[in-house]
Amino acid sequence: MAAFELLLPRRELTLGRGRRWLTNLAIVATDTAVLRIVFPMAAVGIALWASEGGYGLFAMAGMPVWIAAVLGFVILDFAVWAEHWASHKIPLLWRIHKMHHADRDIDVTTALRFHPLEILISMAWKAAVVVAFGIPVLAVLVFEVVLNGAAMFNHANVRLPGWLDRGLRLLVVTPDMHRVHHSVIRSETDSNYGFNLSIWDRLFRTYVDQPREGHTGMTIGLAEYQTPEPAGYLWSLALPFRRPAADRAVESTGQGSVKADREVA
């Protein structure tokens, strides 16, 4: 996908690669280290443990493995969609998740840019779903591979032919579809939550076809952080613990309170 971006870029990058890539790759290295310490078995190991113990709805129902695997894949995909939706609607989760959205460019490395706290919350949620349903080990393995590959695909700064994008997004999330989600305009940020299957956004009416300003004219990131700061590693990790920039600005001018993430006109 990185090579694809170089060959067929969709947008000119605002901050470029350089420091951004170093930061985003350092973040995924940090995430991996933290995850290995807290969840050494990860989702596949948890699925293996549940399978050996006969835990979960599918096991108790005596469901054939292949049916449980297909259903399990779809259930996990919906669970990830629901978690993403909640990360935008619950203030505490949004404070953590907005590190992902602070990236002022969206490319293949943005798919790896998640705060370690969000990685832990996500793994705990997936583990709960895997154990509750008793999702087969192979289904969990395939899902994890597909989810990570799909995330790097739909975050990529690539230009697909219009006919191909329209066809693919009937089933899966494409780069143009997910890019809308990274707009600074709040109504667009609160849309297109899918990482893999596109059906959930259509089903729950959170689907937006195109950005208001167009893909080359739209502004990526958070309205309050249109600065070089989001490309910094320590700044990014500390973001959930900072007061929103708009709150600090209002406090310094003595004007009442406003929403930190207000919609850009």
C-alpha atoms as a PDB file:
ATOM      1  CA  MET A   1       0.000   0.000   0.000  1.00  0.00           C
ATOM      2  CA  ALA A   2       2.921   2.355   0.684  1.00  0.00           C
ATOM      3  CA  ALA A   3       4.233   1.714  -2.837  1.00  0.00           C
ATOM      4  CA  PHE A   4       0.714   2.140  -4.239  1.00  0.00           C
ATOM      5  CA  GLU A   5       0.510   5.559  -2.560  1.00  0.00           C
ATOM      6  CA  LEU A   6       3.696   6.662  -4.280  1.00  0.00           C
ATOM      7  CA  LEU A   7       2.456   5.527  -7.678  1.00  0.00           C
ATOM      8  CA  LEU A   8      -1.164   6.763  -7.517  1.00  0.00           C
ATOM      9  CA  PRO A   9      -1.587   9.314  -4.718  1.00  0.00           C
ATOM     10  CA  ARG A  10      -5.091  10.703  -4.081  1.00  0.00           C
ATOM     11  CA  ARG A  11      -4.013  13.874  -2.256  1.00  0.00           C
ATOM     12  CA  GLU A  12      -0.912  15.956  -1.700  1.00  0.00           C
ATOM     13  CA  LEU A  13       0.264  15.440   1.866  1.00  0.00           C
ATOM     14  CA  THR A  14       0.013  18.397   4.234  1.00  0.00           C
ATOM     15  CA  LEU A  15       2.887  17.487   6.553  1.00  0.00           C
ATOM     16  CA  GLY A  16       4.580  14.934   4.312  1.00  0.00           C
ATOM     17  CA  ARG A  17       6.021  11.620   5.459  1.00  0.00           C
ATOM     18  CA  GLY A  18       9.322  12.081   7.329  1.00  0.00           C
ATOM     19  CA  ARG A  19       8.485  12.878  10.944  1.00  0.00           C
ATOM     20  CA  ARG A  20       4.864  11.671  10.589  1.00  0.00           C
ATOM     21  CA  TRP A  21       5.921   8.200   9.521  1.00  0.00           C
ATOM     22  CA  LEU A  22       8.551   7.947  12.252  1.00  0.00           C
ATOM     23  CA  THR A  23       5.927   8.933  14.827  1.00  0.00           C
ATOM     24  CA  ASN A  24       3.190   6.632  13.514  1.00  0.00           C
ATOM     25  CA  LEU A  25       5.562   3.662  13.268  1.00  0.00           C
ATOM     26  CA  ALA A  26       6.926   4.388  16.748  1.00  0.00           C
ATOM     27  CA  ILE A  27       3.347   4.410  18.049  1.00  0.00           C
ATOM     28  CA  VAL A  28       2.590   0.975  16.581  1.00  0.00           C
ATOM     29  CA  ALA A  29       5.839  -0.344  18.086  1.00  0.00           C
ATOM     30  CA  THR A  30       4.737   1.018  21.468  1.00  0.00           C
ATOM     31  CA  ASP A  31       1.277  -0.516  21.015  1.00  0.00           C
ATOM     32  CA  THR A  32       2.790  -3.899  20.211  1.00  0.00           C
ATOM     33  CA  ALA A  33       5.015  -3.847  23.294  1.00  0.00           C
ATOM     34  CA  VAL A  34       2.144  -2.838  25.593  1.00  0.00           C
ATOM     35  CA  LEU A  35      -0.204  -5.418  24.081  1.00  0.00           C
ATOM     36  CA  ARG A  36       2.329  -8.219  24.505  1.00  0.00           C
ATOM     37  CA  ILE A  37       2.663  -7.383  28.192  1.00  0.00           C
ATOM     38  CA  VAL A  38      -1.046  -7.063  29.033  1.00  0.00           C
ATOM     39  CA  PHE A  39      -2.547  -9.526  26.513  1.00  0.00           C
ATOM     40  CA  PRO A  40       0.273 -11.954  25.654  1.00  0.00           C
ATOM     41  CA  MET A  41      -2.187 -14.412  24.065  1.00  0.00           C
ATOM     42  CA  ALA A  42      -3.948 -11.727  21.972  1.00  0.00           C
ATOM     43  CA  ALA A  43      -7.300 -12.527  20.344  1.00  0.00           C
ATOM     44  CA  VAL A  44      -6.227 -15.810  18.736  1.00  0.00           C
ATOM     45  CA  GLY A  45      -4.827 -17.165  22.021  1.00  0.00           C
ATOM     46  CA  ILE A  46      -8.016 -16.197  23.823  1.00  0.00           C
ATOM     47  CA  ALA A  47     -10.050 -18.006  21.162  1.00  0.00           C
ATOM     48  CA  LEU A  48      -7.897 -21.100  21.660  1.00  0.00           C
ATOM     49  CA  TRP A  49      -8.443 -20.952  25.430  1.00  0.00           C
ATOM     50  CA  ALA A  50     -12.224 -20.591  24.975  1.00  0.00           C
ATOM     51  CA  SER A  51     -12.286 -23.463  22.475  1.00  0.00           C
ATOM     52  CA  GLU A  52     -10.393 -25.805  24.790  1.00  0.00           C
ATOM     53  CA  GLY A  53     -12.771 -24.969  27.629  1.00  0.00           C
ATOM     54  CA  GLY A  54     -15.899 -25.303  25.478  1.00  0.00           C
ATOM     55  CA  TYR A  55     -16.978 -21.770  26.351  1.00  0.00           C
ATOM     56  CA  GLY A  56     -19.363 -19.628  24.348  1.00  0.00           C
ATOM     57  CA  LEU A  57     -22.791 -19.667  22.771  1.00  0.00           C
ATOM     58  CA  PHE A  58     -21.738 -21.497  19.608  1.00  0.00           C
ATOM     59  CA  ALA A  59     -20.100 -24.326  21.554  1.00  0.00           C
ATOM     60  CA  MET A  60     -23.085 -24.719  23.877  1.00  0.00           C
ATOM     61  CA  ALA A  61     -25.442 -24.816  20.885  1.00  0.00           C
ATOM     62  CA  GLY A  62     -23.326 -27.501  19.171  1.00  0.00           C
ATOM     63  CA  MET A  63     -23.092 -25.346  16.044  1.00  0.00           C
ATOM     64  CA  PRO A  64     -21.016 -26.736  13.136  1.00  0.00           C
ATOM     65  CA  VAL A  65     -17.576 -25.135  13.068  1.00  0.00           C
ATOM     66  CA  TRP A  66     -17.901 -23.663   9.571  1.00  0.00           C
ATOM     67  CA  ILE A  67     -21.186 -21.925  10.432  1.00  0.00           C
ATOM     68  CA  ALA A  68     -19.729 -20.647  13.704  1.00  0.00           C
ATOM     69  CA  ALA A  69     -16.669 -19.381  11.802  1.00  0.00           C
ATOM     70  CA  VAL A  70     -18.708 -17.395   9.248  1.00  0.00           C
ATOM     71  CA  LEU A  71     -21.035 -15.983  11.881  1.00  0.00           C
ATOM     72  CA  GLY A  72     -18.080 -15.260  14.157  1.00  0.00           C
ATOM     73  CA  PHE A  73     -16.286 -13.252  11.462  1.00  0.00           C
ATOM     74  CA  VAL A  74     -19.394 -11.120  10.841  1.00  0.00           C
ATOM     75  CA  ILE A  75     -20.044 -10.674  14.579  1.00  0.00           C
ATOM     76  CA  LEU A  76     -16.454  -9.534  15.176  1.00  0.00           C
ATOM     77  CA  ASP A  77     -16.698  -7.063  12.314  1.00  0.00           C
ATOM     78  CA  PHE A  78     -19.872  -5.579  13.782  1.00  0.00           C
ATOM     79  CA  ALA A  79     -18.247  -5.499  17.233  1.00  0.00           C
ATOM     80  CA  VAL A  80     -15.355  -3.437  15.858  1.00  0.00           C
ATOM     81  CA  TRP A  81     -17.815  -1.098  14.105  1.00  0.00           C
ATOM     82  CA  ALA A  82     -19.779  -0.679  17.353  1.00  0.00           C
ATOM     83  CA  GLU A  83     -16.612   0.008  19.323  1.00  0.00           C
ATOM     84  CA  HIS A  84     -15.577   2.646  16.791  1.00  0.00           C
ATOM     85  CA  TRP A  85     -19.012   4.289  16.990  1.00  0.00           C
ATOM     86  CA  ALA A  86     -18.792   4.307  20.799  1.00  0.00           C
ATOM     87  CA  SER A  87     -15.326   5.872  20.605  1.00  0.00           C
ATOM     88  CA  HIS A  88     -16.922   8.904  18.976  1.00  0.00           C
ATOM     89  CA  LYS A  89     -19.985   9.099  21.229  1.00  0.00           C
ATOM     90  CA  ILE A  90     -18.548   8.492  24.714  1.00  0.00           C
ATOM     91  CA  PRO A  91     -16.421  11.494  25.811  1.00  0.00           C
ATOM     92  CA  LEU A  92     -13.780   9.472  27.673  1.00  0.00           C
ATOM     93  CA  LEU A  93     -13.286   7.104  24.744  1.00  0.00           C
ATOM     94  CA  TRP A  94     -13.191  10.031  22.323  1.00  0.00           C
ATOM     95  CA  ARG A  95     -10.351  11.654  24.282  1.00  0.00           C
ATOM     96  CA  ILE A  96      -8.337   8.483  23.650  1.00  0.00           C
ATOM     97  CA  HIS A  97      -9.476   7.879  20.077  1.00  0.00           C
ATOM     98  CA  LYS A  98      -8.843  11.414  18.858  1.00  0.00           C
ATOM     99  CA  MET A  99      -5.099  10.728  18.732  1.00  0.00           C
ATOM    100  CA  HIS A 100      -5.920   8.651  15.658  1.00  0.00           C
ATOM    101  CA  HIS A 101      -7.870  11.547  14.148  1.00  0.00           C
ATOM    102  CA  ALA A 102      -5.220  14.157  14.982  1.00  0.00           C
ATOM    103  CA  ASP A 103      -3.063  12.974  12.070  1.00  0.00           C
ATOM    104  CA  ARG A 104      -3.247  15.830   9.544  1.00  0.00           C
ATOM    105  CA  ASP A 105      -2.704  13.462   6.642  1.00  0.00           C
ATOM    106  CA  ILE A 106      -4.310  10.107   6.069  1.00  0.00           C
ATOM    107  CA  ASP A 107      -2.188   7.364   4.582  1.00  0.00           C
ATOM    108  CA  VAL A 108      -1.202   3.759   5.228  1.00  0.00           C
ATOM    109  CA  THR A 109       0.573   4.640   8.500  1.00  0.00           C
ATOM    110  CA  THR A 110      -2.551   6.326   9.897  1.00  0.00           C
ATOM    111  CA  ALA A 111      -4.054   2.820  10.050  1.00  0.00           C
ATOM    112  CA  LEU A 112      -1.426   2.014  12.710  1.00  0.00           C
ATOM    113  CA  ARG A 113      -1.811   5.224  14.721  1.00  0.00           C
ATOM    114  CA  PHE A 114      -3.869   4.256  17.779  1.00  0.00           C
ATOM    115  CA  HIS A 115      -3.165   5.152  21.382  1.00  0.00           C
ATOM    116  CA  PRO A 116      -1.943   2.213  23.521  1.00  0.00           C
ATOM    117  CA  LEU A 117      -4.963   2.688  25.802  1.00  0.00           C
ATOM    118  CA  GLU A 118      -7.273   2.273  22.810  1.00  0.00           C
ATOM    119  CA  ILE A 119      -5.423  -0.862  21.736  1.00  0.00           C
ATOM    120  CA  LEU A 120      -5.952  -2.374  25.194  1.00  0.00           C
ATOM    121  CA  ILE A 121      -9.635  -1.419  25.284  1.00  0.00           C
ATOM    122  CA  SER A 122     -10.137  -2.850  21.806  1.00  0.00           C
ATOM    123  CA  MET A 123      -8.440  -6.134  22.698  1.00  0.00           C
ATOM    124  CA  ALA A 124     -10.479  -6.483  25.894  1.00  0.00           C
ATOM    125  CA  TRP A 125     -13.691  -5.884  23.912  1.00  0.00           C
ATOM    126  CA  LYS A 126     -12.759  -8.404  21.210  1.00  0.00           C
ATOM    127  CA  ALA A 127     -11.757 -10.944  23.848  1.00  0.00           C
ATOM    128  CA  ALA A 128     -15.144 -10.586  25.532  1.00  0.00           C
ATOM    129  CA  VAL A 129     -16.941 -11.109  22.212  1.00  0.00           C
ATOM    130  CA  VAL A 130     -14.774 -14.127  21.299  1.00  0.00           C
ATOM    131  CA  VAL A 131     -15.397 -15.829  24.636  1.00  0.00           C
ATOM    132  CA  ALA A 132     -19.119 -14.962  24.788  1.00  0.00           C
ATOM    133  CA  PHE A 133     -19.814 -16.528  21.395  1.00  0.00           C
ATOM    134  CA  GLY A 134     -17.050 -19.143  21.373  1.00  0.00           C
ATOM    135  CA  ILE A 135     -15.800 -17.981  17.981  1.00  0.00           C
ATOM    136  CA  PRO A 136     -13.526 -20.617  16.381  1.00  0.00           C
ATOM    137  CA  VAL A 137      -9.768 -19.995  16.461  1.00  0.00           C
ATOM    138  CA  LEU A 138      -9.353 -19.982  12.669  1.00  0.00           C
ATOM    139  CA  ALA A 139     -12.135 -17.418  12.264  1.00  0.00           C
ATOM    140  CA  VAL A 140     -10.450 -15.115  14.774  1.00  0.00           C
ATOM    141  CA  LEU A 141      -7.082 -15.514  13.046  1.00  0.00           C
ATOM    142  CA  VAL A 142      -8.567 -14.752   9.622  1.00  0.00           C
ATOM    143  CA  PHE A 143     -10.503 -11.807  11.018  1.00  0.00           C
ATOM    144  CA  GLU A 144      -7.421 -10.236  12.622  1.00  0.00           C
ATOM    145  CA  VAL A 145      -5.430 -10.576   9.387  1.00  0.00           C
ATOM    146  CA  VAL A 146      -8.263  -9.194   7.252  1.00  0.00           C
ATOM    147  CA  LEU A 147      -9.013  -6.356   9.670  1.00  0.00           C
ATOM    148  CA  ASN A 148      -5.424  -5.120   9.734  1.00  0.00           C
ATOM    149  CA  GLY A 149      -5.024  -5.475   5.978  1.00  0.00           C
ATOM    150  CA  ALA A 150      -8.339  -3.725   5.337  1.00  0.00           C
ATOM    151  CA  ALA A 151      -7.406  -0.863   7.680  1.00  0.00           C
ATOM    152  CA  MET A 152      -4.158  -0.236   5.807  1.00  0.00           C
ATOM    153  CA  PHE A 153      -6.049  -0.409   2.510  1.00  0.00           C
ATOM    154  CA  ASN A 154      -8.835   2.014   3.418  1.00  0.00           C
ATOM    155  CA  HIS A 155      -6.511   4.498   5.120  1.00  0.00           C
ATOM    156  CA  ALA A 156      -4.167   4.538   2.145  1.00  0.00           C
ATOM    157  CA  ASN A 157      -3.688   7.730   0.149  1.00  0.00           C
ATOM    158  CA  VAL A 158      -4.485   6.038  -3.154  1.00  0.00           C
ATOM    159  CA  ARG A 159      -6.608   6.919  -6.156  1.00  0.00           C
ATOM    160  CA  LEU A 160      -8.925   4.138  -7.342  1.00  0.00           C
ATOM    161  CA  PRO A 161     -10.902   4.353 -10.581  1.00  0.00           C
ATOM    162  CA  GLY A 162     -14.429   5.575  -9.877  1.00  0.00           C
ATOM    163  CA  TRP A 163     -16.058   2.411 -11.177  1.00  0.00           C
ATOM    164  CA  LEU A 164     -13.842   0.240  -8.975  1.00  0.00           C
ATOM    165  CA  ASP A 165     -14.471   2.348  -5.860  1.00  0.00           C
ATOM    166  CA  ARG A 166     -18.250   2.248  -6.404  1.00  0.00           C
ATOM    167  CA  GLY A 167     -18.201  -1.510  -6.862  1.00  0.00           C
ATOM    168  CA  LEU A 168     -15.937  -2.304  -3.924  1.00  0.00           C
ATOM    169  CA  ARG A 169     -17.737  -0.093  -1.422  1.00  0.00           C
ATOM    170  CA  LEU A 170     -20.913  -2.095  -1.844  1.00  0.00           C
ATOM    171  CA  LEU A 171     -19.172  -4.695   0.322  1.00  0.00           C
ATOM    172  CA  VAL A 172     -15.963  -3.280   1.809  1.00  0.00           C
ATOM    173  CA  VAL A 173     -14.706   0.101   2.984  1.00  0.00           C
ATOM    174  CA  THR A 174     -12.617   1.863   0.328  1.00  0.00           C
ATOM    175  CA  PRO A 175     -10.036   4.654   0.791  1.00  0.00           C
ATOM    176  CA  ASP A 176     -12.448   7.299  -0.543  1.00  0.00           C
ATOM    177  CA  MET A 177     -15.198   6.070   1.767  1.00  0.00           C
ATOM    178  CA  HIS A 178     -13.075   6.071   4.912  1.00  0.00           C
ATOM    179  CA  ARG A 179     -11.316   9.348   4.098  1.00  0.00           C
ATOM    180  CA  VAL A 180     -14.631  11.129   4.698  1.00  0.00           C
ATOM    181  CA  HIS A 181     -14.435   9.940   8.308  1.00  0.00           C
ATOM    182  CA  HIS A 182     -11.160  11.849   8.814  1.00  0.00           C
ATOM    183  CA  SER A 183     -12.629  15.211   7.806  1.00  0.00           C
ATOM    184  CA  VAL A 184     -12.519  18.110  10.298  1.00  0.00           C
ATOM    185  CA  ILE A 185     -16.246  18.655   9.669  1.00  0.00           C
ATOM    186  CA  ARG A 186     -18.050  17.005  12.587  1.00  0.00           C
ATOM    187  CA  SER A 187     -20.964  15.604  10.568  1.00  0.00           C
ATOM    188  CA  GLU A 188     -18.435  13.826   8.339  1.00  0.00           C
ATOM    189  CA  THR A 189     -16.237  12.649  11.224  1.00  0.00           C
ATOM    190  CA  ASP A 190     -19.374  11.058  12.700  1.00  0.00           C
ATOM    191  CA  SER A 191     -19.900   8.852   9.655  1.00  0.00           C
ATOM    192  CA  ASN A 192     -18.369   5.853   7.862  1.00  0.00           C
ATOM    193  CA  TYR A 193     -17.204   4.029  10.986  1.00  0.00           C
ATOM    194  CA  GLY A 194     -16.499   0.746   9.207  1.00  0.00           C
ATOM    195  CA  PHE A 195     -12.991  -0.706   8.937  1.00  0.00           C
ATOM    196  CA  ASN A 196     -13.799  -3.733   6.799  1.00  0.00           C
ATOM    197  CA  LEU A 197     -17.415  -4.397   5.766  1.00  0.00           C
ATOM    198  CA  SER A 198     -19.356  -1.340   4.604  1.00  0.00           C
ATOM    199  CA  ILE A 199     -22.818  -2.751   5.372  1.00  0.00           C
ATOM    200  CA  TRP A 200     -22.985  -1.471   8.956  1.00  0.00           C
ATOM    201  CA  ASP A 201     -22.849   2.205   8.031  1.00  0.00           C
ATOM    202  CA  ARG A 202     -25.592   1.722   5.473  1.00  0.00           C
ATOM    203  CA  LEU A 203     -27.683  -0.291   7.913  1.00  0.00           C
ATOM    204  CA  PHE A 204     -27.383   2.228  10.752  1.00  0.00           C
ATOM    205  CA  ARG A 205     -27.586   5.289   8.474  1.00  0.00           C
ATOM    206  CA  THR A 206     -24.130   6.597   9.246  1.00  0.00           C
ATOM    207  CA  TYR A 207     -22.994   6.391   5.628  1.00  0.00           C
ATOM    208  CA  VAL A 208     -21.798   9.516   3.815  1.00  0.00           C
ATOM    209  CA  ASP A 209     -20.921   9.069   0.157  1.00  0.00           C
ATOM    210  CA  GLN A 210     -18.523  11.969  -0.451  1.00  0.00           C
ATOM    211  CA  PRO A 211     -16.912  14.806   1.568  1.00  0.00           C
ATOM    212  CA  ARG A 212     -18.499  18.248   1.266  1.00  0.00           C
ATOM    213  CA  GLU A 213     -15.269  19.878   0.065  1.00  0.00           C
ATOM    214  CA  GLY A 214     -14.195  17.016  -2.202  1.00  0.00           C
ATOM    215  CA  HIS A 215     -11.327  14.604  -1.596  1.00  0.00           C
ATOM    216  CA  THR A 216      -8.605  16.995  -2.717  1.00  0.00           C
ATOM    217  CA  GLY A 217     -10.105  20.063  -1.027  1.00  0.00           C
ATOM    218  CA  MET A 218     -11.153  18.593   2.327  1.00  0.00           C
ATOM    219  CA  THR A 219      -9.174  19.250   5.510  1.00  0.00           C
ATOM    220  CA  ILE A 220      -7.944  16.188   7.392  1.00  0.00           C
ATOM    221  CA  GLY A 221      -7.461  15.946  11.148  1.00  0.00           C
ATOM    222  CA  LEU A 222      -8.940  17.831  14.097  1.00  0.00           C
ATOM    223  CA  ALA A 223     -10.053  21.443  13.692  1.00  0.00           C
ATOM    224  CA  GLU A 224      -8.327  22.511  16.914  1.00  0.00           C
ATOM    225  CA  TYR A 225      -4.971  20.945  15.979  1.00  0.00           C
ATOM    226  CA  GLN A 226      -4.192  22.176  12.471  1.00  0.00           C
ATOM    227  CA  THR A 227      -0.540  22.570  13.471  1.00  0.00           C
ATOM    228  CA  PRO A 228       2.655  20.488  13.098  1.00  0.00           C
ATOM    229  CA  GLU A 229       2.220  19.141  16.659  1.00  0.00           C
ATOM    230  CA  PRO A 230       0.262  15.956  15.747  1.00  0.00           C
ATOM    231  CA  ALA A 231       3.382  14.677  13.952  1.00  0.00           C
ATOM    232  CA  GLY A 232       5.189  14.464  17.301  1.00  0.00           C
ATOM    233  CA  TYR A 233       5.462  11.139  19.161  1.00  0.00           C
ATOM    234  CA  LEU A 234       5.298  12.375  22.771  1.00  0.00           C
ATOM    235  CA  TRP A 235       2.704  15.013  21.896  1.00  0.00           C
ATOM    236  CA  SER A 236       0.491  12.320  20.365  1.00  0.00           C
ATOM    237  CA  LEU A 237       0.749   9.974  23.350  1.00  0.00           C
ATOM    238  CA  ALA A 238      -0.075  12.842  25.721  1.00  0.00           C
ATOM    239  CA  LEU A 239      -3.071  14.081  23.699  1.00  0.00           C
ATOM    240  CA  PRO A 240      -5.795  12.228  25.679  1.00  0.00           C
ATOM    241  CA  PHE A 241      -4.581  13.924  28.838  1.00  0.00           C
ATOM    242  CA  ARG A 242      -4.547  17.457  27.432  1.00  0.00           C
ATOM    243  CA  ARG A 243      -7.372  19.948  27.758  1.00  0.00           C
ATOM    244  CA  PRO A 244      -8.906  20.599  24.302  1.00  0.00           C
ATOM    245  CA  ALA A 245      -7.212  23.487  22.503  1.00  0.00           C
ATOM    246  CA  ALA A 246     -10.492  25.384  22.122  1.00  0.00           C
ATOM    247  CA  ASP A 247     -11.110  25.208  25.883  1.00  0.00           C
ATOM    248  CA  ARG A 248      -7.683  26.683  26.597  1.00  0.00           C
ATOM    249  CA  ALA A 249      -8.238  29.457  24.064  1.00  0.00           C
ATOM    250  CA  VAL A 250     -11.620  30.379  25.524  1.00  0.00           C
ATOM    251  CA  GLU A 251     -10.224  30.312  29.064  1.00  0.00           C
ATOM    252  CA  SER A 252      -7.429  32.708  28.094  1.00  0.00           C
ATOM    253  CA  THR A 253      -9.845  35.219  26.513  1.00  0.00           C
ATOM    254  CA  GLY A 254     -12.403  35.021  29.330  1.00  0.00           C
ATOM    255  CA  GLN A 255     -15.261  34.129  26.965  1.00  0.00           C
ATOM    256  CA  GLY A 256     -17.738  31.410  28.096  1.00  0.00           C
ATOM    257  CA  SER A 257     -17.360  27.779  27.067  1.00  0.00           C
ATOM    258  CA  VAL A 258     -17.671  26.343  23.587  1.00  0.00           C
ATOM    259  CA  LYS A 259     -17.475  22.857  22.203  1.00  0.00           C
ATOM    260  CA  ALA A 260     -13.866  21.910  21.584  1.00  0.00           C
ATOM    261  CA  ASP A 261     -14.726  19.833  18.557  1.00  0.00           C
ATOM    262  CA  ARG A 262     -17.295  22.160  17.013  1.00  0.00           C
ATOM    263  CA  GLU A 263     -18.100  21.691  13.377  1.00  0.00           C
ATOM    264  CA  VAL A 264     -16.107  23.676  10.854  1.00  0.00           C
ATOM    265  CA  ALA A 265     -18.391  25.933   8.826  1.00  0.00           C
END
